[in-house]
C-alpha atoms as a PDB file:
ATOM      1  CA  UNK A   1      56.994 -15.426 -72.298  1.00  0.00           C
ATOM      2  CA  UNK A   2      59.488 -17.687 -70.506  1.00  0.00           C
ATOM      3  CA  UNK A   3      58.616 -21.419 -70.334  1.00  0.00           C
ATOM      4  CA  UNK A   4      60.408 -22.148 -67.307  1.00  0.00           C
ATOM      5  CA  UNK A   5      60.965 -20.079 -63.961  1.00  0.00           C
ATOM      6  CA  UNK A   6      63.879 -20.328 -61.501  1.00  0.00           C
ATOM      7  CA  UNK A   7      64.631 -18.341 -58.538  1.00  0.00           C
ATOM      8  CA  UNK A   8      67.879 -16.600 -57.825  1.00  0.00           C
ATOM      9  CA  UNK A   9      69.166 -17.878 -54.437  1.00  0.00           C
ATOM     10  CA  UNK A  10      72.023 -16.314 -52.764  1.00  0.00           C
ATOM     11  CA  UNK A  11      74.305 -19.608 -53.597  1.00  0.00           C
ATOM     12  CA  UNK A  12      73.792 -18.554 -57.221  1.00  0.00           C
ATOM     13  CA  UNK A  13      76.563 -17.135 -59.367  1.00  0.00           C
ATOM     14  CA  UNK A  14      75.943 -13.866 -61.445  1.00  0.00           C
ATOM     15  CA  UNK A  15      78.642 -13.325 -64.236  1.00  0.00           C
ATOM     16  CA  UNK A  16      78.760 -11.123 -67.346  1.00  0.00           C
ATOM     17  CA  UNK A  17      76.182 -12.051 -69.496  1.00  0.00           C
ATOM     18  CA  UNK A  18      75.247 -15.393 -67.663  1.00  0.00           C
ATOM     19  CA  UNK A  19      74.215 -16.786 -64.372  1.00  0.00           C
ATOM     20  CA  UNK A  20      74.619 -20.195 -62.529  1.00  0.00           C
ATOM     21  CA  UNK A  21      71.733 -21.566 -60.507  1.00  0.00           C
ATOM     22  CA  UNK A  22      72.294 -22.988 -57.121  1.00  0.00           C
ATOM     23  CA  UNK A  23      72.113 -26.772 -56.949  1.00  0.00           C
ATOM     24  CA  UNK A  24      68.590 -26.939 -55.691  1.00  0.00           C
ATOM     25  CA  UNK A  25      67.240 -24.894 -58.465  1.00  0.00           C
ATOM     26  CA  UNK A  26      69.376 -26.528 -60.944  1.00  0.00           C
ATOM     27  CA  UNK A  27      67.973 -29.914 -60.041  1.00  0.00           C
ATOM     28  CA  UNK A  28      64.538 -28.610 -60.159  1.00  0.00           C
ATOM     29  CA  UNK A  29      64.922 -27.146 -63.727  1.00  0.00           C
ATOM     30  CA  UNK A  30      67.040 -29.924 -65.263  1.00  0.00           C
ATOM     31  CA  UNK A  31      65.742 -33.091 -63.435  1.00  0.00           C
ATOM     32  CA  UNK A  32      62.072 -32.156 -62.456  1.00  0.00           C
ATOM     33  CA  UNK A  33      61.176 -29.924 -65.408  1.00  0.00           C
ATOM     34  CA  UNK A  34      63.436 -31.481 -67.834  1.00  0.00           C
ATOM     35  CA  UNK A  35      64.587 -28.316 -69.591  1.00  0.00           C
ATOM     36  CA  UNK A  36      66.744 -28.765 -72.410  1.00  0.00           C
ATOM     37  CA  UNK A  37      69.568 -26.608 -73.719  1.00  0.00           C
ATOM     38  CA  UNK A  38      68.364 -23.651 -75.775  1.00  0.00           C
ATOM     39  CA  UNK A  39      64.888 -23.473 -74.059  1.00  0.00           C
ATOM     40  CA  UNK A  40      63.858 -20.185 -72.426  1.00  0.00           C
ATOM     41  CA  UNK A  41      64.283 -19.664 -68.777  1.00  0.00           C
ATOM     42  CA  UNK A  42      63.126 -16.614 -66.553  1.00  0.00           C
ATOM     43  CA  UNK A  43      65.099 -16.133 -63.131  1.00  0.00           C
ATOM     44  CA  UNK A  44      63.524 -14.027 -60.478  1.00  0.00           C
ATOM     45  CA  UNK A  45      65.682 -12.596 -57.652  1.00  0.00           C
ATOM     46  CA  UNK A  46      62.721 -11.516 -55.655  1.00  0.00           C
ATOM     47  CA  UNK A  47      63.926  -7.684 -55.497  1.00  0.00           C
ATOM     48  CA  UNK A  48      62.282  -6.741 -58.671  1.00  0.00           C
ATOM     49  CA  UNK A  49      64.832  -8.154 -61.394  1.00  0.00           C
ATOM     50  CA  UNK A  50      63.925 -10.677 -64.011  1.00  0.00           C
ATOM     51  CA  UNK A  51      66.769 -12.408 -65.843  1.00  0.00           C
ATOM     52  CA  UNK A  52      65.605 -13.458 -69.269  1.00  0.00           C
ATOM     53  CA  UNK A  53      67.654 -15.985 -71.193  1.00  0.00           C
ATOM     54  CA  UNK A  54      68.085 -19.570 -72.482  1.00  0.00           C
ATOM     55  CA  UNK A  55      69.595 -22.777 -70.804  1.00  0.00           C
ATOM     56  CA  UNK A  56      73.090 -22.915 -71.841  1.00  0.00           C
ATOM     57  CA  UNK A  57      74.244 -25.822 -69.699  1.00  0.00           C
ATOM     58  CA  UNK A  58      71.839 -28.572 -68.602  1.00  0.00           C
ATOM     59  CA  UNK A  59      73.804 -29.186 -65.240  1.00  0.00           C
ATOM     60  CA  UNK A  60      71.701 -30.759 -62.614  1.00  0.00           C
ATOM     61  CA  UNK A  61      74.162 -29.261 -59.967  1.00  0.00           C
ATOM     62  CA  UNK A  62      74.879 -25.903 -61.605  1.00  0.00           C
ATOM     63  CA  UNK A  63      72.497 -25.043 -64.598  1.00  0.00           C
ATOM     64  CA  UNK A  64      73.940 -22.147 -66.538  1.00  0.00           C
ATOM     65  CA  UNK A  65      71.894 -19.597 -68.109  1.00  0.00           C
ATOM     66  CA  UNK A  66      72.831 -17.329 -71.121  1.00  0.00           C
ATOM     67  CA  UNK A  67      71.375 -14.032 -69.976  1.00  0.00           C
ATOM     68  CA  UNK A  68      69.888 -12.088 -72.916  1.00  0.00           C
ATOM     69  CA  UNK A  69      67.880  -9.505 -71.053  1.00  0.00           C
ATOM     70  CA  UNK A  70      67.506  -8.100 -67.592  1.00  0.00           C
ATOM     71  CA  UNK A  71      64.228  -6.501 -66.876  1.00  0.00           C
ATOM     72  CA  UNK A  72      63.613  -4.606 -63.582  1.00  0.00           C
ATOM     73  CA  UNK A  73      60.191  -3.631 -61.789  1.00  0.00           C
ATOM     74  CA  UNK A  74      60.081  -1.131 -59.162  1.00  0.00           C
ATOM     75  CA  UNK A  75      57.338  -1.569 -56.462  1.00  0.00           C
ATOM     76  CA  UNK A  76      54.778   1.241 -56.435  1.00  0.00           C
ATOM     77  CA  UNK A  77      52.395   2.466 -53.936  1.00  0.00           C
ATOM     78  CA  UNK A  78      52.448   2.083 -49.960  1.00  0.00           C
ATOM     79  CA  UNK A  79      54.208  -0.578 -48.111  1.00  0.00           C
ATOM     80  CA  UNK A  80      51.889  -3.088 -47.176  1.00  0.00           C
ATOM     81  CA  UNK A  81      52.453  -5.037 -43.921  1.00  0.00           C
ATOM     82  CA  UNK A  82      50.573  -8.252 -42.735  1.00  0.00           C
ATOM     83  CA  UNK A  83      50.586  -8.476 -39.155  1.00  0.00           C
ATOM     84  CA  UNK A  84      49.230 -12.169 -38.637  1.00  0.00           C
ATOM     85  CA  UNK A  85      48.691 -14.082 -35.523  1.00  0.00           C
ATOM     86  CA  UNK A  86      50.263 -17.462 -36.007  1.00  0.00           C
ATOM     87  CA  UNK A  87      47.636 -20.202 -36.671  1.00  0.00           C
ATOM     88  CA  UNK A  88      47.871 -23.794 -36.002  1.00  0.00           C
ATOM     89  CA  UNK A  89      49.031 -26.548 -38.443  1.00  0.00           C
ATOM     90  CA  UNK A  90      49.718 -25.604 -42.124  1.00  0.00           C
ATOM     91  CA  UNK A  91      47.397 -22.812 -42.151  1.00  0.00           C
ATOM     92  CA  UNK A  92      50.527 -20.427 -42.164  1.00  0.00           C
ATOM     93  CA  UNK A  93      51.834 -21.784 -45.395  1.00  0.00           C
ATOM     94  CA  UNK A  94      48.260 -20.989 -47.140  1.00  0.00           C
ATOM     95  CA  UNK A  95      48.332 -17.327 -45.685  1.00  0.00           C
ATOM     96  CA  UNK A  96      51.885 -16.803 -46.964  1.00  0.00           C
ATOM     97  CA  UNK A  97      51.155 -18.088 -50.379  1.00  0.00           C
ATOM     98  CA  UNK A  98      48.125 -15.929 -50.750  1.00  0.00           C
ATOM     99  CA  UNK A  99      49.870 -12.798 -49.261  1.00  0.00           C
ATOM    100  CA  UNK A 100      52.618 -13.377 -51.640  1.00  0.00           C
ATOM    101  CA  UNK A 101      50.403 -13.567 -54.593  1.00  0.00           C
ATOM    102  CA  UNK A 102      48.378 -10.645 -53.688  1.00  0.00           C
ATOM    103  CA  UNK A 103      51.267  -8.297 -53.226  1.00  0.00           C
ATOM    104  CA  UNK A 104      52.137  -7.821 -49.451  1.00  0.00           C
ATOM    105  CA  UNK A 105      55.422  -6.052 -48.979  1.00  0.00           C
ATOM    106  CA  UNK A 106      56.099  -7.521 -45.478  1.00  0.00           C
ATOM    107  CA  UNK A 107      54.722 -10.447 -43.431  1.00  0.00           C
ATOM    108  CA  UNK A 108      55.116 -10.304 -39.805  1.00  0.00           C
ATOM    109  CA  UNK A 109      53.837 -13.302 -37.828  1.00  0.00           C
ATOM    110  CA  UNK A 110      53.058 -12.692 -34.313  1.00  0.00           C
ATOM    111  CA  UNK A 111      52.169 -14.682 -31.202  1.00  0.00           C
ATOM    112  CA  UNK A 112      48.980 -13.837 -29.569  1.00  0.00           C
ATOM    113  CA  UNK A 113      47.174 -14.754 -26.581  1.00  0.00           C
ATOM    114  CA  UNK A 114      44.450 -17.119 -28.040  1.00  0.00           C
ATOM    115  CA  UNK A 115      46.445 -18.503 -30.924  1.00  0.00           C
ATOM    116  CA  UNK A 116      47.927 -21.450 -28.540  1.00  0.00           C
ATOM    117  CA  UNK A 117      51.089 -21.455 -30.898  1.00  0.00           C
ATOM    118  CA  UNK A 118      54.402 -21.104 -29.093  1.00  0.00           C
ATOM    119  CA  UNK A 119      57.565 -22.261 -30.908  1.00  0.00           C
ATOM    120  CA  UNK A 120      61.139 -21.157 -30.227  1.00  0.00           C
ATOM    121  CA  UNK A 121      64.647 -21.442 -30.970  1.00  0.00           C
ATOM    122  CA  UNK A 122      65.861 -23.773 -33.907  1.00  0.00           C
ATOM    123  CA  UNK A 123      62.284 -25.091 -34.447  1.00  0.00           C
ATOM    124  CA  UNK A 124      61.071 -21.707 -35.044  1.00  0.00           C
ATOM    125  CA  UNK A 125      63.989 -20.744 -37.409  1.00  0.00           C
ATOM    126  CA  UNK A 126      63.489 -23.798 -39.387  1.00  0.00           C
ATOM    127  CA  UNK A 127      59.838 -23.124 -39.742  1.00  0.00           C
ATOM    128  CA  UNK A 128      60.625 -19.587 -41.064  1.00  0.00           C
ATOM    129  CA  UNK A 129      63.131 -21.156 -43.516  1.00  0.00           C
ATOM    130  CA  UNK A 130      60.322 -23.539 -44.770  1.00  0.00           C
ATOM    131  CA  UNK A 131      57.797 -20.555 -44.879  1.00  0.00           C
ATOM    132  CA  UNK A 132      60.301 -18.524 -46.998  1.00  0.00           C
ATOM    133  CA  UNK A 133      60.602 -21.445 -49.520  1.00  0.00           C
ATOM    134  CA  UNK A 134      56.819 -21.638 -49.760  1.00  0.00           C
ATOM    135  CA  UNK A 135      56.721 -17.871 -50.573  1.00  0.00           C
ATOM    136  CA  UNK A 136      59.453 -18.214 -53.298  1.00  0.00           C
ATOM    137  CA  UNK A 137      57.534 -21.038 -54.989  1.00  0.00           C
ATOM    138  CA  UNK A 138      54.541 -18.744 -55.069  1.00  0.00           C
ATOM    139  CA  UNK A 139      56.536 -16.010 -56.666  1.00  0.00           C
ATOM    140  CA  UNK A 140      57.869 -18.572 -59.294  1.00  0.00           C
ATOM    141  CA  UNK A 141      54.321 -19.928 -60.014  1.00  0.00           C
ATOM    142  CA  UNK A 142      52.816 -16.416 -60.576  1.00  0.00           C
ATOM    143  CA  UNK A 143      55.866 -14.870 -62.124  1.00  0.00           C
ATOM    144  CA  UNK A 144      56.154 -12.096 -59.443  1.00  0.00           C
ATOM    145  CA  UNK A 145      59.221 -10.164 -59.345  1.00  0.00           C
ATOM    146  CA  UNK A 146      58.851  -8.844 -55.651  1.00  0.00           C
ATOM    147  CA  UNK A 147      59.227 -11.381 -52.752  1.00  0.00           C
ATOM    148  CA  UNK A 148      57.784  -9.982 -49.636  1.00  0.00           C
ATOM    149  CA  UNK A 149      59.912  -9.613 -46.612  1.00  0.00           C
ATOM    150  CA  UNK A 150      59.140 -12.291 -43.972  1.00  0.00           C
ATOM    151  CA  UNK A 151      60.113 -11.131 -40.586  1.00  0.00           C
ATOM    152  CA  UNK A 152      60.845 -13.337 -37.403  1.00  0.00           C
ATOM    153  CA  UNK A 153      57.882 -14.226 -35.390  1.00  0.00           C
ATOM    154  CA  UNK A 154      57.675 -12.148 -32.081  1.00  0.00           C
ATOM    155  CA  UNK A 155      54.972 -11.439 -29.636  1.00  0.00           C
ATOM    156  CA  UNK A 156      52.323  -8.953 -30.590  1.00  0.00           C
ATOM    157  CA  UNK A 157      53.262  -6.836 -27.652  1.00  0.00           C
ATOM    158  CA  UNK A 158      56.979  -6.850 -28.752  1.00  0.00           C
ATOM    159  CA  UNK A 159      56.069  -5.712 -32.317  1.00  0.00           C
ATOM    160  CA  UNK A 160      53.828  -2.939 -30.981  1.00  0.00           C
ATOM    161  CA  UNK A 161      56.756  -1.474 -28.726  1.00  0.00           C
ATOM    162  CA  UNK A 162      59.125  -1.771 -31.495  1.00  0.00           C
ATOM    163  CA  UNK A 163      57.006  -0.068 -34.063  1.00  0.00           C
ATOM    164  CA  UNK A 164      55.360   3.144 -32.663  1.00  0.00           C
ATOM    165  CA  UNK A 165      52.808   4.569 -35.289  1.00  0.00           C
ATOM    166  CA  UNK A 166      53.829   7.137 -37.857  1.00  0.00           C
ATOM    167  CA  UNK A 167      52.132  10.078 -39.209  1.00  0.00           C
ATOM    168  CA  UNK A 168      52.106   8.964 -42.957  1.00  0.00           C
ATOM    169  CA  UNK A 169      50.827   5.386 -41.991  1.00  0.00           C
ATOM    170  CA  UNK A 170      47.455   3.812 -41.841  1.00  0.00           C
ATOM    171  CA  UNK A 171      46.899   0.844 -39.378  1.00  0.00           C
ATOM    172  CA  UNK A 172      43.771  -1.384 -39.450  1.00  0.00           C
ATOM    173  CA  UNK A 173      42.674  -4.421 -37.569  1.00  0.00           C
ATOM    174  CA  UNK A 174      40.047  -6.871 -38.504  1.00  0.00           C
ATOM    175  CA  UNK A 175      37.836  -6.891 -35.669  1.00  0.00           C
ATOM    176  CA  UNK A 176      34.701  -8.731 -34.567  1.00  0.00           C
ATOM    177  CA  UNK A 177      34.123  -5.703 -31.767  1.00  0.00           C
ATOM    178  CA  UNK A 178      31.017  -3.622 -31.897  1.00  0.00           C
ATOM    179  CA  UNK A 179      31.613  -0.410 -33.317  1.00  0.00           C
ATOM    180  CA  UNK A 180      34.129  -1.367 -36.062  1.00  0.00           C
ATOM    181  CA  UNK A 181      34.106   0.710 -39.166  1.00  0.00           C
ATOM    182  CA  UNK A 182      33.497  -0.747 -42.865  1.00  0.00           C
ATOM    183  CA  UNK A 183      37.015  -1.285 -44.429  1.00  0.00           C
ATOM    184  CA  UNK A 184      36.205   0.727 -47.222  1.00  0.00           C
ATOM    185  CA  UNK A 185      35.191   3.621 -45.275  1.00  0.00           C
ATOM    186  CA  UNK A 186      38.715   3.560 -43.590  1.00  0.00           C
ATOM    187  CA  UNK A 187      40.578   3.096 -46.934  1.00  0.00           C
ATOM    188  CA  UNK A 188      38.837   6.035 -48.734  1.00  0.00           C
ATOM    189  CA  UNK A 189      41.659   8.607 -48.473  1.00  0.00           C
ATOM    190  CA  UNK A 190      45.086   6.622 -48.803  1.00  0.00           C
ATOM    191  CA  UNK A 191      46.508   8.639 -51.381  1.00  0.00           C
ATOM    192  CA  UNK A 192      49.063  10.309 -48.857  1.00  0.00           C
ATOM    193  CA  UNK A 193      49.642   7.321 -47.041  1.00  0.00           C
ATOM    194  CA  UNK A 194      53.176   5.681 -47.429  1.00  0.00           C
ATOM    195  CA  UNK A 195      52.551   2.414 -45.281  1.00  0.00           C
ATOM    196  CA  UNK A 196      49.699   0.286 -44.367  1.00  0.00           C
ATOM    197  CA  UNK A 197      49.588  -2.251 -41.602  1.00  0.00           C
ATOM    198  CA  UNK A 198      46.775  -4.801 -41.628  1.00  0.00           C
ATOM    199  CA  UNK A 199      46.369  -6.827 -38.416  1.00  0.00           C
ATOM    200  CA  UNK A 200      44.618 -10.187 -38.405  1.00  0.00           C
ATOM    201  CA  UNK A 201      44.048 -12.214 -35.235  1.00  0.00           C
ATOM    202  CA  UNK A 202      43.546 -15.882 -34.488  1.00  0.00           C
ATOM    203  CA  UNK A 203      40.488 -17.843 -34.719  1.00  0.00           C
ATOM    204  CA  UNK A 204      39.400 -16.959 -31.201  1.00  0.00           C
ATOM    205  CA  UNK A 205      40.108 -13.321 -32.045  1.00  0.00           C
ATOM    206  CA  UNK A 206      42.340 -10.991 -30.125  1.00  0.00           C
ATOM    207  CA  UNK A 207      41.768 -10.550 -26.507  1.00  0.00           C
ATOM    208  CA  UNK A 208      40.410  -7.212 -25.069  1.00  0.00           C
ATOM    209  CA  UNK A 209      43.773  -6.418 -23.714  1.00  0.00           C
ATOM    210  CA  UNK A 210      45.304  -6.755 -27.255  1.00  0.00           C
ATOM    211  CA  UNK A 211      42.611  -4.879 -28.894  1.00  0.00           C
ATOM    212  CA  UNK A 212      43.332  -2.273 -26.268  1.00  0.00           C
ATOM    213  CA  UNK A 213      47.182  -2.182 -27.151  1.00  0.00           C
ATOM    214  CA  UNK A 214      46.400  -2.076 -30.835  1.00  0.00           C
ATOM    215  CA  UNK A 215      44.175   0.794 -30.413  1.00  0.00           C
ATOM    216  CA  UNK A 216      46.851   2.523 -28.292  1.00  0.00           C
ATOM    217  CA  UNK A 217      49.256   1.950 -31.293  1.00  0.00           C
ATOM    218  CA  UNK A 218      46.840   3.653 -33.788  1.00  0.00           C
ATOM    219  CA  UNK A 219      45.076   0.675 -35.183  1.00  0.00           C
ATOM    220  CA  UNK A 220      41.614   1.326 -36.547  1.00  0.00           C
ATOM    221  CA  UNK A 221      39.054  -1.623 -36.085  1.00  0.00           C
ATOM    222  CA  UNK A 222      37.529  -2.524 -39.407  1.00  0.00           C
ATOM    223  CA  UNK A 223      34.569  -4.942 -40.421  1.00  0.00           C
ATOM    224  CA  UNK A 224      35.301  -7.475 -43.139  1.00  0.00           C
ATOM    225  CA  UNK A 225      31.602  -7.923 -44.405  1.00  0.00           C
ATOM    226  CA  UNK A 226      28.756  -9.468 -42.654  1.00  0.00           C
ATOM    227  CA  UNK A 227      30.206 -12.959 -41.923  1.00  0.00           C
ATOM    228  CA  UNK A 228      32.781 -14.196 -39.349  1.00  0.00           C
ATOM    229  CA  UNK A 229      35.817 -15.329 -41.464  1.00  0.00           C
ATOM    230  CA  UNK A 230      38.469 -17.935 -40.786  1.00  0.00           C
ATOM    231  CA  UNK A 231      42.014 -16.538 -40.167  1.00  0.00           C
ATOM    232  CA  UNK A 232      43.145 -17.327 -43.736  1.00  0.00           C
ATOM    233  CA  UNK A 233      40.192 -15.962 -45.388  1.00  0.00           C
ATOM    234  CA  UNK A 234      40.435 -12.678 -43.358  1.00  0.00           C
ATOM    235  CA  UNK A 235      44.028 -12.226 -44.444  1.00  0.00           C
ATOM    236  CA  UNK A 236      43.231 -12.912 -48.058  1.00  0.00           C
ATOM    237  CA  UNK A 237      39.963 -10.587 -47.767  1.00  0.00           C
ATOM    238  CA  UNK A 238      41.712  -7.505 -46.209  1.00  0.00           C
ATOM    239  CA  UNK A 239      44.942  -7.716 -48.607  1.00  0.00           C
ATOM    240  CA  UNK A 240      42.776  -7.905 -51.625  1.00  0.00           C
ATOM    241  CA  UNK A 241      40.665  -4.925 -50.829  1.00  0.00           C
ATOM    242  CA  UNK A 242      43.712  -2.912 -49.755  1.00  0.00           C
ATOM    243  CA  UNK A 243      45.338  -3.863 -52.874  1.00  0.00           C
ATOM    244  CA  UNK A 244      42.412  -2.591 -54.949  1.00  0.00           C
ATOM    245  CA  UNK A 245      42.265   0.589 -53.135  1.00  0.00           C
ATOM    246  CA  UNK A 246      46.081   1.470 -53.596  1.00  0.00           C
ATOM    247  CA  UNK A 247      46.676  -0.100 -56.897  1.00  0.00           C
END
């Protein structure tokens, strides 16, 4: 097992039997972790490949790794998308970290009526870049070969308009409404399902209008146990159960 882990950012260089990390990862490996020449390094590309090798040049601006083996993991099972209402503060960082560790395929943050979070333009893109780094750190910490795709936040209504339901997909929404089905009951027959979308609302829940639109788009309301859960707990709960049922 590799002693050190790094991530292959686009700025890195891949050559014949070697790779050179970008400046940020090089600094982290050489200055923060104090990796020495000859020590084992595992480099993840987030797309399923692991580059296994040893540190050849301990350069804090361009650490060079002698690649000894390349292993590739192919994602199996249905594509799992987390449709997450954007919470206040740093809660989204926690949700992204947990969703990455559990194995979500796609994470789509959405603006909802009762979330009271509306950011735009450069501030929004800076936030997305920061979130992506958080997800990469989760991948490195857990040794995950697959990095979920993080889509740019949009309003819930825009996402619904742009993603009509498909026959081979399953859509569920964590719901506090009366008449919601137990989550396991809805997940009993997922063998032929190619994609699963799980929607988690804000602390104040989705509005009646949003529930109506979700229903029209094929989302089935499901219960997550007997207790009312916080948004981040609900996201981890529903993704964990889906992972167990499809793994």
